[in-house]
Amino acid sequence: MFGQASAPRIETERLVLRPPEHRDWRVWANLRETSAAHLKPWEPVWSIDHLTRRAFTNRVYWAQRAVRQGTGLPLFLFEKDGGGSQGRIAGAITLDNIRRGPSQAGTTGYWLGSGFTGRGLMTEGLRAVVGYAFDALDLSRIESACLAENRASRAVLERAGYKYEGVAQSYLQIGGRWRNHVLYACLRSDRRGRTDAG
């Protein structure tokens, strides 16, 4: 159960989503390294030790703490193999910054390895995480943001049920400089109709 020591495992037709484990380091680091040219234009600058075992160990401990405290749900995406079991790592989705009380909200961030794009895997994964957030975690609002020119990411969010809400100035440092981001949100009871980025 979320907010305790054990973490959820979410399955979809093609994916297994679960928190990172120490044994995932090599496959995670390899996917990040081989996808660097694809990922770096959209992410904060990687630290010098980004792909090291030590940094990954810290990432696993952070994930365990976030799940235990109920403040985040970091999940790795694995493609299912032919038998329906966990296969190759494809990317990650993190439901983070979970706020309780009057807001009941959280924020999603995600990435997909370069060899896994264009197949709807991230849309499938995001839909599953949003469903889990609404049903199991009783959240009401899931937010996300991306660079305006990242058309692929915007399309993923829209296919997953998020709607455009506006622009946040100097939202995150990407590539070492502050960048504006477009904001999207998915609501549990969404009566807004279609909203367009214009």
Protein backbone atom coordinates (compact mmCIF):
# COMPACT_ATOMS: atom_id res chain seq x y z
CA MET A 1 0.00 0.00 0.00
CA PHE A 2 1.21 3.51 -0.82
CA GLY A 3 2.64 5.41 2.13
CA GLN A 4 4.16 2.24 3.60
CA ALA A 5 7.28 0.17 2.98
CA SER A 6 5.86 -1.85 0.07
CA ALA A 7 5.33 -0.17 -3.27
CA PRO A 8 2.73 -0.81 -5.93
CA ARG A 9 3.21 -2.75 -9.13
CA ILE A 10 0.99 -1.53 -11.95
CA GLU A 11 0.40 -3.61 -15.07
CA THR A 12 -1.10 -2.65 -18.41
CA GLU A 13 -1.51 -4.63 -21.61
CA ARG A 14 2.12 -4.08 -22.62
CA LEU A 15 3.87 -2.70 -19.52
CA VAL A 16 4.92 -3.44 -15.97
CA LEU A 17 5.45 -0.33 -13.84
CA ARG A 18 7.27 -0.60 -10.52
CA PRO A 19 9.67 1.43 -8.37
CA PRO A 20 13.40 1.18 -9.10
CA GLU A 21 15.45 -1.51 -7.38
CA HIS A 22 19.21 -1.75 -6.88
CA ARG A 23 19.45 -4.55 -9.45
CA ASP A 24 18.14 -2.18 -12.17
CA TRP A 25 21.26 0.00 -12.27
CA ARG A 26 23.01 -1.50 -15.31
CA VAL A 27 19.95 -1.65 -17.58
CA TRP A 28 18.84 1.83 -16.49
CA ALA A 29 22.30 3.36 -16.99
CA ASN A 30 22.68 1.67 -20.38
CA LEU A 31 19.30 2.95 -21.59
CA ARG A 32 20.02 6.48 -20.36
CA GLU A 33 23.48 6.46 -21.94
CA THR A 34 22.34 5.16 -25.33
CA SER A 35 19.40 7.60 -25.28
CA ALA A 36 21.41 10.65 -24.16
CA ALA A 37 21.12 12.57 -27.45
CA HIS A 38 17.36 11.97 -27.41
CA LEU A 39 16.86 12.94 -23.73
CA LYS A 40 19.29 15.76 -22.96
CA PRO A 41 17.53 18.53 -24.97
CA TRP A 42 14.45 18.16 -22.73
CA GLU A 43 16.01 17.55 -19.31
CA PRO A 44 18.00 19.44 -16.67
CA VAL A 45 21.77 19.11 -17.11
CA TRP A 46 22.96 15.68 -16.00
CA SER A 47 25.39 15.68 -13.08
CA ILE A 48 28.89 14.28 -13.67
CA ASP A 49 27.99 11.12 -11.75
CA HIS A 50 24.48 10.77 -13.24
CA LEU A 51 24.99 7.22 -14.54
CA THR A 52 27.10 5.85 -11.69
CA ARG A 53 26.06 3.06 -9.35
CA ARG A 54 26.40 5.38 -6.36
CA ALA A 55 24.04 7.98 -7.84
CA PHE A 56 21.59 5.23 -8.74
CA THR A 57 21.75 3.82 -5.21
CA ASN A 58 20.79 7.28 -3.91
CA ARG A 59 17.94 7.34 -6.44
CA VAL A 60 16.62 4.01 -5.15
CA TYR A 61 16.77 5.17 -1.53
CA TRP A 62 14.98 8.41 -2.48
CA ALA A 63 12.29 6.38 -4.27
CA GLN A 64 11.79 4.11 -1.26
CA ARG A 65 11.53 7.12 1.06
CA ALA A 66 9.04 8.91 -1.24
CA VAL A 67 6.79 5.83 -1.41
CA ARG A 68 7.00 5.25 2.35
CA GLN A 69 6.19 8.89 3.15
CA GLY A 70 3.48 9.15 0.48
CA THR A 71 5.12 12.12 -1.24
CA GLY A 72 5.99 10.46 -4.56
CA LEU A 73 5.68 7.36 -6.68
CA PRO A 74 8.75 6.84 -8.91
CA LEU A 75 8.14 4.03 -11.39
CA PHE A 76 10.26 2.34 -14.04
CA LEU A 77 8.47 1.18 -17.19
CA PHE A 78 9.28 -2.31 -18.42
CA GLU A 79 7.95 -3.80 -21.61
CA LYS A 80 6.29 -7.15 -21.06
CA ASP A 81 8.00 -10.08 -22.72
CA GLY A 82 6.16 -12.63 -24.85
CA GLY A 83 4.89 -14.43 -21.74
CA GLY A 84 3.52 -11.30 -20.10
CA SER A 85 6.35 -10.97 -17.57
CA GLN A 86 8.64 -8.02 -17.02
CA GLY A 87 11.00 -7.57 -19.96
CA ARG A 88 13.23 -4.69 -21.10
CA ILE A 89 13.29 -1.34 -19.33
CA ALA A 90 11.77 1.34 -21.56
CA GLY A 91 11.71 4.49 -19.43
CA ALA A 92 10.21 5.96 -16.27
CA ILE A 93 7.27 7.93 -14.89
CA THR A 94 7.40 9.74 -11.57
CA LEU A 95 4.31 10.96 -9.76
CA ASP A 96 5.92 13.48 -7.44
CA ASN A 97 5.16 16.46 -5.23
CA ILE A 98 2.02 14.80 -3.91
CA ARG A 99 0.02 17.29 -1.87
CA ARG A 100 -2.77 16.22 0.45
CA GLY A 101 -5.51 18.20 2.16
CA PRO A 102 -7.40 20.75 0.08
CA SER A 103 -5.36 20.18 -3.11
CA GLN A 104 -5.10 16.35 -3.43
CA ALA A 105 -2.71 16.83 -6.34
CA GLY A 106 0.55 15.57 -7.79
CA THR A 107 2.90 16.19 -10.70
CA THR A 108 4.05 13.71 -13.35
CA GLY A 109 7.41 13.67 -15.08
CA TYR A 110 8.50 11.02 -17.56
CA TRP A 111 11.05 9.89 -20.12
CA LEU A 112 11.28 7.13 -22.67
CA GLY A 113 14.40 5.56 -24.17
CA SER A 114 15.05 6.40 -27.81
CA GLY A 115 14.36 2.87 -29.02
CA PHE A 116 10.87 2.83 -27.51
CA THR A 117 9.29 5.98 -28.94
CA GLY A 118 6.42 6.17 -31.40
CA ARG A 119 4.59 3.08 -30.13
CA GLY A 120 2.20 4.58 -27.58
CA LEU A 121 4.02 3.09 -24.58
CA MET A 122 4.27 6.36 -22.65
CA THR A 123 0.61 7.18 -23.28
CA GLU A 124 -0.32 3.73 -21.98
CA GLY A 125 1.93 4.14 -18.94
CA LEU A 126 0.69 7.63 -18.11
CA ARG A 127 -2.95 6.57 -18.34
CA ALA A 128 -2.23 3.75 -15.89
CA VAL A 129 -0.43 6.04 -13.43
CA VAL A 130 -3.18 8.67 -13.61
CA GLY A 131 -5.82 5.98 -13.04
CA TYR A 132 -3.86 4.68 -10.05
CA ALA A 133 -3.48 8.21 -8.67
CA PHE A 134 -7.22 8.86 -8.89
CA ASP A 135 -8.47 5.46 -7.75
CA ALA A 136 -5.89 4.18 -5.25
CA LEU A 137 -4.40 7.46 -3.99
CA ASP A 138 -7.59 9.53 -4.09
CA LEU A 139 -5.90 12.43 -5.88
CA SER A 140 -8.04 14.93 -7.75
CA ARG A 141 -5.54 16.69 -10.02
CA ILE A 142 -2.42 15.50 -11.85
CA GLU A 143 -0.20 18.15 -13.41
CA SER A 144 2.61 18.02 -15.94
CA ALA A 145 4.76 20.47 -17.88
CA CYS A 146 7.01 20.37 -20.92
CA LEU A 147 8.84 22.70 -23.27
CA ALA A 148 6.47 24.29 -25.78
CA GLU A 149 8.49 22.98 -28.73
CA ASN A 150 8.40 19.39 -27.45
CA ARG A 151 5.52 18.37 -29.71
CA ALA A 152 5.93 14.66 -28.98
CA SER A 153 5.59 15.19 -25.23
CA ARG A 154 2.59 17.47 -25.66
CA ALA A 155 0.89 14.86 -27.85
CA VAL A 156 1.53 12.16 -25.23
CA LEU A 157 -0.06 14.30 -22.52
CA GLU A 158 -3.09 15.11 -24.66
CA ARG A 159 -3.60 11.44 -25.61
CA ALA A 160 -3.35 10.52 -21.91
CA GLY A 161 -6.19 12.91 -21.02
CA TYR A 162 -4.28 16.00 -19.89
CA LYS A 163 -5.48 19.41 -21.05
CA TYR A 164 -3.50 22.54 -21.76
CA GLU A 165 -3.76 25.21 -19.06
CA GLY A 166 -1.19 27.87 -19.86
CA VAL A 167 2.48 28.85 -19.75
CA ALA A 168 4.78 28.98 -16.71
CA GLN A 169 7.61 31.48 -17.12
CA SER A 170 11.13 30.27 -16.22
CA TYR A 171 9.66 27.01 -14.92
CA LEU A 172 12.76 24.77 -15.02
CA GLN A 173 16.42 24.93 -15.96
CA ILE A 174 16.85 22.87 -19.13
CA GLY A 175 20.26 22.66 -20.74
CA GLY A 176 21.59 25.05 -18.10
CA ARG A 177 19.14 27.92 -18.65
CA TRP A 178 15.71 28.86 -17.34
CA ARG A 179 13.00 27.88 -19.80
CA ASN A 180 9.28 28.57 -20.09
CA HIS A 181 7.07 25.47 -20.02
CA VAL A 182 3.53 24.75 -21.12
CA LEU A 183 1.34 23.43 -18.31
CA TYR A 184 -1.13 20.58 -18.57
CA ALA A 185 -3.44 18.95 -16.02
CA CYS A 186 -5.69 15.92 -15.80
CA LEU A 187 -8.65 16.15 -13.42
CA ARG A 188 -10.53 13.25 -11.90
CA SER A 189 -13.87 14.85 -12.78
CA ASP A 190 -13.03 16.86 -15.88
CA ARG A 191 -15.83 19.03 -17.24
CA ARG A 192 -13.59 21.51 -19.03
CA GLY A 193 -14.08 20.19 -22.56
CA ARG A 194 -11.22 20.55 -25.00
CA THR A 195 -8.63 23.26 -24.33
CA ASP A 196 -6.11 24.22 -26.97
CA ALA A 197 -2.63 25.65 -26.73
CA GLY A 198 -3.49 28.17 -29.43
